[in-house]
Amino acid sequence: MFTKLSPQIKQYLVITGNYWTFTLTDGALRMLVVLYFNQLGYSPLKIAMLFLFYEIFGVITNLIGGWLGARLGLNKTMNIGLVMQVVALLMLTVPSGYLTVAYVMAAQALSGIAKDLNKMSAKSSIKLLVPKNKQHLDEGEHSSEGKLYHWIALLTGSKNTLKGIGFFLGGLLLTLVGFQGALLLMATVLFVVWLMSLWLLKKDLGKAKNKAKFSEIFSKSPAINILSAARMFLFGSRDVWFVVALPVYLAVTFNWDDWWVGAFMATWVIGYGIIQAIAPKITGKSKANNEGENTTPDGRAALKWATILSITPLIIIAGLHFNFYPQQLLIIGLLIFGAVFAINSSLHSYLIVSYADSDGVSMDVGFYYMANAMGRLIGTVLSGVVYQAYGLEACLWISTLFIILTALISLKLPHKLK
């Protein structure tokens, strides 16, 4: 069956399989670290700080990783990411006495580098696998831009759904085989995937025809710079309440058990991924209208959905402030936030790949995901600091401010794709 598929579909399946497996281990590792170090007596804020290097090195990796992808090829950067994750998992299998904060942060830094190399490689590869030639479109047929949007949404949505499943997997493995056993099992599976990737993944995929210069790691495209700025504030608006503030608030204020908190967070991420995958059906994929013009979502769609998103945290803030069914409103509000946020994220993921130059696409995508990682880093730090000082409402106010900034920046995005 596999041999009958087109070369592009084969490569898409290999890349997606790599990305899925990696994502499962990434989500499971995060939950394993949170739950295991909670058992060891770490405070929630201290646990969150274990992920600080994970986010910091994500910023660095995305900036440099795009250049590496253009120089070496995306097959190499993807495979390097896979094997680095294996090393990161094995680093944490040492006896608990050796798991100092500095050591765990170092392992998480390695995992952060691995994750962003893998993600950058996967997202960049899709640009190269979708046919470039836009043939004549009969009514109802999708353009190559629409197909690109569909493939990106499917890859991104499935990744986040699997990350949520990874949260469940981490808790389950911790219960069944323990911390070290879970890490060894995941490292073994990922090692096998790495060996298969070395064999199946096309050589020199995404390697730029012209040698990419290190000085070119910063994008010179106005559209990509604007989209990257919008992406930074968009992801900061999520993580400012999601990383530390929300799980601690649910446990302390609502007295939820740990597994309840973990289950809600996992359900949120899974639902978020599902909405991302079907975002093209919600926003509309590319079709030729009666005048033959491309109607693929563009900068106007990004502005529209960012504006809609800004309303949801304000409703939650009002409910918490006036104590109006706070628990129910918080849960429902965050589920709505997740759905609208997923559409915003999926649109951004499509737009960056569409804007990117096909020759050395990883340079543009890497710069964009550097901004994404910077937003997560800012959100992670603010989530702990602001929640500890002022509470969840303050985190949600900052979230609202960041979304408004996202919408204002999106005003400058191009209204027609190239």
Protein backbone atom coordinates (compact mmCIF):
# COMPACT_ATOMS: atom_id res chain seq x y z
CA MET A 1 0.00 0.00 0.00
CA PHE A 2 2.80 2.43 1.01
CA THR A 3 4.70 1.76 -2.25
CA LYS A 4 1.72 2.85 -4.38
CA LEU A 5 1.59 6.33 -2.85
CA SER A 6 3.12 9.38 -4.53
CA PRO A 7 6.62 10.42 -3.33
CA GLN A 8 5.16 13.58 -1.74
CA ILE A 9 2.57 11.62 0.26
CA LYS A 10 5.22 9.11 1.37
CA GLN A 11 7.45 11.87 2.67
CA TYR A 12 4.48 13.57 4.34
CA LEU A 13 3.63 10.32 6.15
CA VAL A 14 7.23 9.80 7.29
CA ILE A 15 7.49 13.39 8.55
CA THR A 16 4.09 13.19 10.24
CA GLY A 17 4.98 9.85 11.88
CA ASN A 18 8.22 11.33 13.23
CA TYR A 19 6.40 14.41 14.48
CA TRP A 20 3.59 12.41 16.10
CA THR A 21 5.93 10.07 17.96
CA PHE A 22 8.10 12.92 19.12
CA THR A 23 5.05 14.88 20.28
CA LEU A 24 3.76 11.96 22.34
CA THR A 25 7.09 11.71 24.17
CA ASP A 26 7.23 15.50 24.61
CA GLY A 27 3.78 15.68 26.20
CA ALA A 28 4.40 12.58 28.33
CA LEU A 29 7.77 13.93 29.52
CA ARG A 30 6.21 17.21 30.62
CA MET A 31 3.55 15.43 32.67
CA LEU A 32 6.09 12.97 34.09
CA VAL A 33 8.31 15.82 35.28
CA VAL A 34 5.37 17.74 36.79
CA LEU A 35 3.91 14.75 38.64
CA TYR A 36 7.20 13.12 39.70
CA PHE A 37 8.75 16.30 41.06
CA ASN A 38 5.50 17.12 42.79
CA GLN A 39 5.91 13.76 44.54
CA LEU A 40 9.44 14.81 45.51
CA GLY A 41 7.99 17.91 47.23
CA TYR A 42 8.72 20.65 44.69
CA SER A 43 6.40 23.68 44.73
CA PRO A 44 4.35 24.43 41.57
CA LEU A 45 6.40 27.56 40.84
CA LYS A 46 9.66 25.64 41.26
CA ILE A 47 8.38 22.92 38.92
CA ALA A 48 7.49 25.55 36.33
CA MET A 49 11.02 26.92 36.54
CA LEU A 50 12.35 23.47 35.55
CA PHE A 51 10.94 24.25 32.09
CA LEU A 52 12.62 27.67 31.86
CA PHE A 53 15.62 26.42 29.86
CA TYR A 54 13.23 24.39 27.69
CA GLU A 55 11.64 27.65 26.55
CA ILE A 56 14.86 29.72 26.41
CA PHE A 57 16.62 27.19 24.22
CA GLY A 58 13.49 26.97 22.08
CA VAL A 59 14.04 30.64 21.17
CA ILE A 60 17.70 30.03 20.31
CA THR A 61 17.03 26.80 18.42
CA ASN A 62 14.35 28.25 16.18
CA LEU A 63 16.61 31.15 15.27
CA ILE A 64 19.65 28.98 14.47
CA GLY A 65 17.72 25.85 13.46
CA GLY A 66 16.24 27.48 10.38
CA TRP A 67 19.74 28.34 9.17
CA LEU A 68 20.90 24.77 9.88
CA GLY A 69 17.91 23.38 7.96
CA ALA A 70 18.77 25.50 4.95
CA ARG A 71 22.46 24.52 5.12
CA LEU A 72 22.18 20.81 6.00
CA GLY A 73 18.69 19.83 4.83
CA LEU A 74 15.51 19.31 6.86
CA ASN A 75 15.99 15.55 6.96
CA LYS A 76 19.17 16.06 9.00
CA THR A 77 17.68 18.61 11.42
CA MET A 78 14.65 16.37 12.00
CA ASN A 79 16.84 13.34 12.69
CA ILE A 80 19.13 15.36 14.96
CA GLY A 81 16.04 16.43 16.93
CA LEU A 82 14.89 12.83 17.32
CA VAL A 83 18.22 11.54 18.63
CA MET A 84 18.63 14.53 20.98
CA GLN A 85 15.26 13.72 22.55
CA VAL A 86 16.45 10.14 23.12
CA VAL A 87 19.52 11.52 24.95
CA ALA A 88 17.36 13.92 27.00
CA LEU A 89 15.07 11.08 28.09
CA LEU A 90 18.02 8.86 29.06
CA MET A 91 19.60 11.71 31.06
CA LEU A 92 16.61 11.66 33.41
CA THR A 93 16.79 7.90 34.08
CA VAL A 94 19.52 8.39 36.71
CA PRO A 95 18.64 7.75 40.41
CA SER A 96 16.53 10.50 41.99
CA GLY A 97 19.44 11.68 44.13
CA TYR A 98 21.18 12.96 41.00
CA LEU A 99 18.12 14.86 39.75
CA THR A 100 19.14 18.30 40.95
CA VAL A 101 17.39 21.40 39.62
CA ALA A 102 20.39 22.31 37.45
CA TYR A 103 20.65 18.78 36.02
CA VAL A 104 16.95 18.58 35.17
CA MET A 105 17.03 22.05 33.61
CA ALA A 106 19.96 20.89 31.43
CA ALA A 107 18.00 17.83 30.30
CA GLN A 108 14.97 20.00 29.61
CA ALA A 109 17.15 22.40 27.62
CA LEU A 110 18.24 19.50 25.42
CA SER A 111 14.62 18.41 25.04
CA GLY A 112 13.63 21.98 24.11
CA ILE A 113 16.29 22.08 21.39
CA ALA A 114 15.14 18.68 20.10
CA LYS A 115 11.47 19.68 20.06
CA ASP A 116 11.98 22.87 18.09
CA LEU A 117 14.35 21.26 15.59
CA ASN A 118 11.71 18.60 14.99
CA LYS A 119 8.83 21.07 14.73
CA MET A 120 10.67 23.51 12.47
CA SER A 121 11.70 20.65 10.18
CA ALA A 122 8.18 19.22 9.97
CA LYS A 123 6.44 22.54 9.30
CA SER A 124 9.04 23.65 6.74
CA SER A 125 8.91 20.34 4.86
CA ILE A 126 5.21 20.68 4.05
CA LYS A 127 5.90 23.78 1.93
CA LEU A 128 8.14 21.65 -0.28
CA LEU A 129 5.74 18.71 -0.60
CA VAL A 130 2.65 20.58 -1.82
CA PRO A 131 2.67 20.94 -5.64
CA LYS A 132 3.66 24.48 -6.64
CA ASN A 133 1.94 24.69 -10.01
CA LYS A 134 -1.52 26.18 -9.76
CA GLN A 135 -3.43 24.48 -12.50
CA HIS A 136 -6.79 25.60 -13.75
CA LEU A 137 -9.42 25.31 -11.05
CA ASP A 138 -12.86 24.10 -11.87
CA GLU A 139 -15.59 25.28 -9.55
CA GLY A 140 -15.29 23.57 -6.20
CA GLU A 141 -11.66 22.47 -6.59
CA HIS A 142 -9.07 23.59 -4.05
CA SER A 143 -5.97 25.52 -5.09
CA SER A 144 -2.49 24.54 -4.00
CA GLU A 145 -2.77 27.26 -1.31
CA GLY A 146 -5.93 25.59 -0.01
CA LYS A 147 -4.17 22.22 0.00
CA LEU A 148 -1.23 23.76 1.85
CA TYR A 149 -3.59 25.20 4.47
CA HIS A 150 -5.27 21.80 4.85
CA TRP A 151 -1.99 19.90 5.28
CA ILE A 152 -0.57 22.42 7.74
CA ALA A 153 -3.78 22.45 9.80
CA LEU A 154 -3.84 18.65 9.88
CA LEU A 155 -0.20 18.39 10.96
CA THR A 156 -0.50 21.13 13.59
CA GLY A 157 -3.85 19.97 14.95
CA SER A 158 -2.81 16.34 15.19
CA LYS A 159 0.36 17.40 16.99
CA ASN A 160 -1.52 19.22 19.72
CA THR A 161 -4.09 16.44 20.07
CA LEU A 162 -1.27 13.96 20.53
CA LYS A 163 0.43 16.27 23.01
CA GLY A 164 -2.72 16.13 25.13
CA ILE A 165 -2.76 12.34 24.80
CA GLY A 166 0.89 12.47 25.85
CA PHE A 167 -0.21 14.12 29.12
CA PHE A 168 -2.45 11.14 29.80
CA LEU A 169 0.31 8.75 28.70
CA GLY A 170 2.80 10.32 31.08
CA GLY A 171 0.51 9.90 34.07
CA LEU A 172 -0.38 6.34 33.07
CA LEU A 173 3.23 5.26 32.56
CA LEU A 174 4.24 6.83 35.89
CA THR A 175 1.60 4.71 37.60
CA LEU A 176 2.39 1.49 35.72
CA VAL A 177 6.17 1.42 35.32
CA GLY A 178 7.50 4.36 37.35
CA PHE A 179 9.52 7.42 36.32
CA GLN A 180 12.69 5.68 35.10
CA GLY A 181 10.74 2.85 33.45
CA ALA A 182 8.57 5.30 31.52
CA LEU A 183 11.60 7.24 30.28
CA LEU A 184 13.41 4.08 29.15
CA LEU A 185 10.32 2.86 27.28
CA MET A 186 9.85 6.17 25.46
CA ALA A 187 13.57 6.44 24.63
CA THR A 188 13.49 2.94 23.09
CA VAL A 189 10.45 3.68 20.91
CA LEU A 190 11.89 7.00 19.77
CA PHE A 191 15.24 5.36 18.97
CA VAL A 192 13.47 2.89 16.65
CA VAL A 193 11.62 5.78 14.95
CA TRP A 194 14.95 7.57 14.48
CA LEU A 195 16.46 4.53 12.75
CA MET A 196 13.45 4.29 10.41
CA SER A 197 13.68 8.02 9.68
CA LEU A 198 17.34 7.70 8.69
CA TRP A 199 16.29 5.10 6.14
CA LEU A 200 13.05 6.60 4.79
CA LEU A 201 13.44 10.37 4.88
CA LYS A 202 14.54 11.97 1.61
CA LYS A 203 18.10 13.23 1.52
CA ASP A 204 18.66 17.01 1.33
CA LEU A 205 14.96 17.84 1.80
CA GLY A 206 14.71 21.62 2.20
CA LYS A 207 18.41 22.27 1.57
CA ALA A 208 18.77 25.71 0.02
CA LYS A 209 20.21 25.93 -3.50
CA ASN A 210 22.28 28.90 -2.41
CA LYS A 211 24.34 28.52 0.75
CA ALA A 212 22.44 30.28 3.51
CA LYS A 213 24.51 32.86 5.39
CA PHE A 214 24.32 33.03 9.17
CA SER A 215 23.66 36.77 8.88
CA GLU A 216 20.38 35.90 7.12
CA ILE A 217 18.79 34.23 10.17
CA PHE A 218 16.76 37.40 10.77
CA SER A 219 13.95 37.64 8.24
CA LYS A 220 13.99 40.51 5.77
CA SER A 221 10.37 39.92 4.74
CA PRO A 222 7.97 42.54 6.21
CA ALA A 223 5.06 40.06 6.14
CA ILE A 224 7.02 37.45 8.10
CA ASN A 225 8.29 40.01 10.61
CA ILE A 226 4.75 41.27 11.23
CA LEU A 227 3.32 37.76 11.53
CA SER A 228 6.14 36.76 13.90
CA ALA A 229 5.38 39.71 16.19
CA ALA A 230 1.69 38.79 16.20
CA ARG A 231 2.58 35.16 16.97
CA MET A 232 4.75 36.16 19.92
CA PHE A 233 1.94 38.04 21.65
CA LEU A 234 -0.63 35.39 20.70
CA PHE A 235 1.26 32.61 22.48
CA GLY A 236 2.19 34.87 25.36
CA SER A 237 -1.56 35.46 25.85
CA ARG A 238 -2.11 31.71 26.32
CA ASP A 239 0.85 30.74 28.47
CA VAL A 240 0.49 33.69 30.86
CA TRP A 241 -2.42 31.80 32.47
CA PHE A 242 -1.97 28.24 31.17
CA VAL A 243 1.49 27.19 32.38
CA VAL A 244 1.42 27.94 36.12
CA ALA A 245 -1.57 30.10 37.05
CA LEU A 246 -4.41 27.81 35.92
CA PRO A 247 -3.23 24.44 37.34
CA VAL A 248 -2.33 26.03 40.68
CA TYR A 249 -5.64 27.96 40.78
CA LEU A 250 -7.68 24.81 40.07
CA ALA A 251 -5.84 22.87 42.77
CA VAL A 252 -5.85 25.59 45.44
CA THR A 253 -9.06 27.56 44.87
CA PHE A 254 -11.35 24.77 43.61
CA ASN A 255 -9.59 22.00 45.60
CA TRP A 256 -9.25 19.76 42.54
CA ASP A 257 -7.19 16.58 42.87
CA ASP A 258 -3.98 16.41 40.85
CA TRP A 259 -5.42 13.95 38.35
CA TRP A 260 -8.46 16.20 37.83
CA VAL A 261 -6.13 19.10 37.02
CA GLY A 262 -4.05 16.94 34.67
CA ALA A 263 -7.15 15.54 32.96
CA PHE A 264 -8.58 19.01 32.35
CA MET A 265 -5.30 20.33 30.96
CA ALA A 266 -4.98 17.27 28.70
CA THR A 267 -8.61 17.56 27.52
CA TRP A 268 -8.06 21.25 26.76
CA VAL A 269 -4.99 20.51 24.64
CA ILE A 270 -6.69 17.59 22.81
CA GLY A 271 -9.74 19.71 22.00
CA TYR A 272 -7.45 22.55 20.93
CA GLY A 273 -5.68 20.18 18.54
CA ILE A 274 -8.93 18.89 17.04
CA ILE A 275 -10.14 22.44 16.32
CA GLN A 276 -6.77 23.27 14.75
CA ALA A 277 -7.07 20.30 12.42
CA ILE A 278 -10.52 21.34 11.19
CA ALA A 279 -9.78 25.09 11.11
CA PRO A 280 -9.85 25.21 7.27
CA LYS A 281 -13.48 24.06 7.37
CA ILE A 282 -14.31 26.86 9.80
CA THR A 283 -12.40 29.69 8.13
CA GLY A 284 -12.80 28.43 4.56
CA LYS A 285 -10.17 26.88 2.32
CA SER A 286 -8.97 28.28 -0.98
CA LYS A 287 -11.42 28.12 -3.86
CA ALA A 288 -11.65 30.04 -7.08
CA ASN A 289 -14.58 32.40 -6.94
CA ASN A 290 -16.58 33.50 -10.00
CA GLU A 291 -13.86 35.98 -10.94
CA GLY A 292 -11.12 33.34 -10.54
CA GLU A 293 -9.65 35.08 -7.50
CA ASN A 294 -8.04 33.23 -4.61
CA THR A 295 -10.20 33.34 -1.49
CA THR A 296 -7.75 31.62 0.87
CA PRO A 297 -7.76 33.24 4.37
CA ASP A 298 -5.21 36.05 4.58
CA GLY A 299 -4.23 38.83 6.99
CA ARG A 300 -7.86 39.96 7.35
CA ALA A 301 -8.83 36.54 8.71
CA ALA A 302 -5.99 36.72 11.27
CA LEU A 303 -7.24 40.14 12.42
CA LYS A 304 -10.85 38.96 12.63
CA TRP A 305 -10.13 35.89 14.76
CA ALA A 306 -7.71 37.75 17.05
CA THR A 307 -10.44 40.32 17.73
CA ILE A 308 -12.95 37.56 18.57
CA LEU A 309 -10.39 35.91 20.88
CA SER A 310 -9.87 39.11 22.89
CA ILE A 311 -13.47 38.95 24.17
CA THR A 312 -13.18 35.56 25.92
CA PRO A 313 -10.75 36.44 28.77
CA LEU A 314 -12.81 39.56 29.53
CA ILE A 315 -15.90 37.42 30.11
CA ILE A 316 -13.95 35.12 32.44
CA ILE A 317 -12.54 38.12 34.34
CA ALA A 318 -16.06 39.50 34.87
CA GLY A 319 -17.30 36.15 36.19
CA LEU A 320 -14.39 35.80 38.63
CA HIS A 321 -14.62 39.42 39.77
CA PHE A 322 -18.34 39.30 40.52
CA ASN A 323 -18.19 35.69 41.75
CA PHE A 324 -20.83 34.68 39.18
CA TYR A 325 -20.62 30.88 38.97
CA PRO A 326 -16.82 31.27 38.87
CA GLN A 327 -15.96 27.59 38.46
CA GLN A 328 -18.44 26.92 35.67
CA LEU A 329 -17.67 30.19 33.87
CA LEU A 330 -13.93 29.61 34.11
CA ILE A 331 -14.14 26.10 32.64
CA ILE A 332 -16.59 27.01 29.85
CA GLY A 333 -14.73 30.25 29.13
CA LEU A 334 -11.38 28.49 28.83
CA LEU A 335 -12.85 25.85 26.52
CA ILE A 336 -14.20 28.63 24.26
CA PHE A 337 -10.84 30.43 24.51
CA GLY A 338 -9.10 27.20 23.45
CA ALA A 339 -11.34 26.74 20.41
CA VAL A 340 -10.90 30.32 19.15
CA PHE A 341 -7.20 30.31 20.00
CA ALA A 342 -6.78 27.11 17.96
CA ILE A 343 -8.25 28.81 14.89
CA ASN A 344 -5.88 31.76 15.36
CA SER A 345 -2.91 29.43 15.74
CA SER A 346 -3.85 27.34 12.69
CA LEU A 347 -4.23 30.46 10.55
CA HIS A 348 -0.81 31.70 11.65
CA SER A 349 0.79 28.30 10.95
CA TYR A 350 -0.62 28.36 7.43
CA LEU A 351 0.30 31.98 6.74
CA ILE A 352 3.96 31.57 7.72
CA VAL A 353 4.44 28.59 5.41
CA SER A 354 2.61 30.43 2.62
CA TYR A 355 4.68 33.60 3.08
CA ALA A 356 7.98 31.68 3.31
CA ASP A 357 10.35 31.50 0.37
CA SER A 358 10.55 27.94 -1.00
CA ASP A 359 14.34 28.12 -1.32
CA GLY A 360 15.55 27.94 2.27
CA VAL A 361 12.01 27.84 3.67
CA SER A 362 13.36 26.77 7.08
CA MET A 363 15.05 30.18 7.50
CA ASP A 364 11.70 31.99 7.45
CA VAL A 365 9.86 29.31 9.43
CA GLY A 366 12.67 29.12 11.99
CA PHE A 367 12.56 32.89 12.57
CA TYR A 368 8.78 32.76 12.98
CA TYR A 369 8.93 29.91 15.52
CA MET A 370 11.66 31.79 17.36
CA ALA A 371 9.04 34.47 17.97
CA ASN A 372 6.59 31.71 18.97
CA ALA A 373 9.09 30.37 21.52
CA MET A 374 9.76 33.89 22.79
CA GLY A 375 6.03 34.32 23.42
CA ARG A 376 5.93 31.03 25.36
CA LEU A 377 8.96 32.10 27.39
CA ILE A 378 7.43 35.49 28.26
CA GLY A 379 4.12 33.82 29.13
CA THR A 380 5.76 31.14 31.27
CA VAL A 381 7.72 33.65 33.36
CA LEU A 382 4.78 36.04 33.74
CA SER A 383 2.44 33.16 34.63
CA GLY A 384 4.46 32.33 37.73
CA VAL A 385 5.41 35.86 38.77
CA VAL A 386 2.06 37.60 38.14
CA TYR A 387 -0.06 34.80 39.60
CA GLN A 388 2.02 34.64 42.77
CA ALA A 389 1.81 38.42 43.22
CA TYR A 390 -1.68 39.30 41.94
CA GLY A 391 -3.67 36.16 41.12
CA LEU A 392 -5.44 34.66 38.10
CA GLU A 393 -7.46 37.76 37.18
CA ALA A 394 -4.25 39.74 36.64
CA CYS A 395 -2.94 36.98 34.37
CA LEU A 396 -6.13 37.15 32.33
CA TRP A 397 -5.86 40.95 32.05
CA ILE A 398 -2.35 40.55 30.63
CA SER A 399 -3.71 37.86 28.30
CA THR A 400 -6.31 40.32 27.02
CA LEU A 401 -3.68 43.01 26.49
CA PHE A 402 -1.48 40.58 24.53
CA ILE A 403 -4.40 39.55 22.29
CA ILE A 404 -5.28 43.18 21.57
CA LEU A 405 -1.63 43.75 20.59
CA THR A 406 -1.87 40.67 18.34
CA ALA A 407 -4.93 42.15 16.62
CA LEU A 408 -3.31 45.59 16.19
CA ILE A 409 -0.19 44.04 14.68
CA SER A 410 -2.35 41.88 12.38
CA LEU A 411 -3.74 45.09 10.81
CA LYS A 412 -0.45 45.29 8.91
CA LEU A 413 -0.57 41.74 7.50
CA PRO A 414 -0.95 41.46 3.69
CA HIS A 415 -4.55 41.12 2.50
CA LYS A 416 -3.66 39.01 -0.50
CA LEU A 417 -1.25 36.10 -0.47
CA LYS A 418 1.54 36.01 -2.96
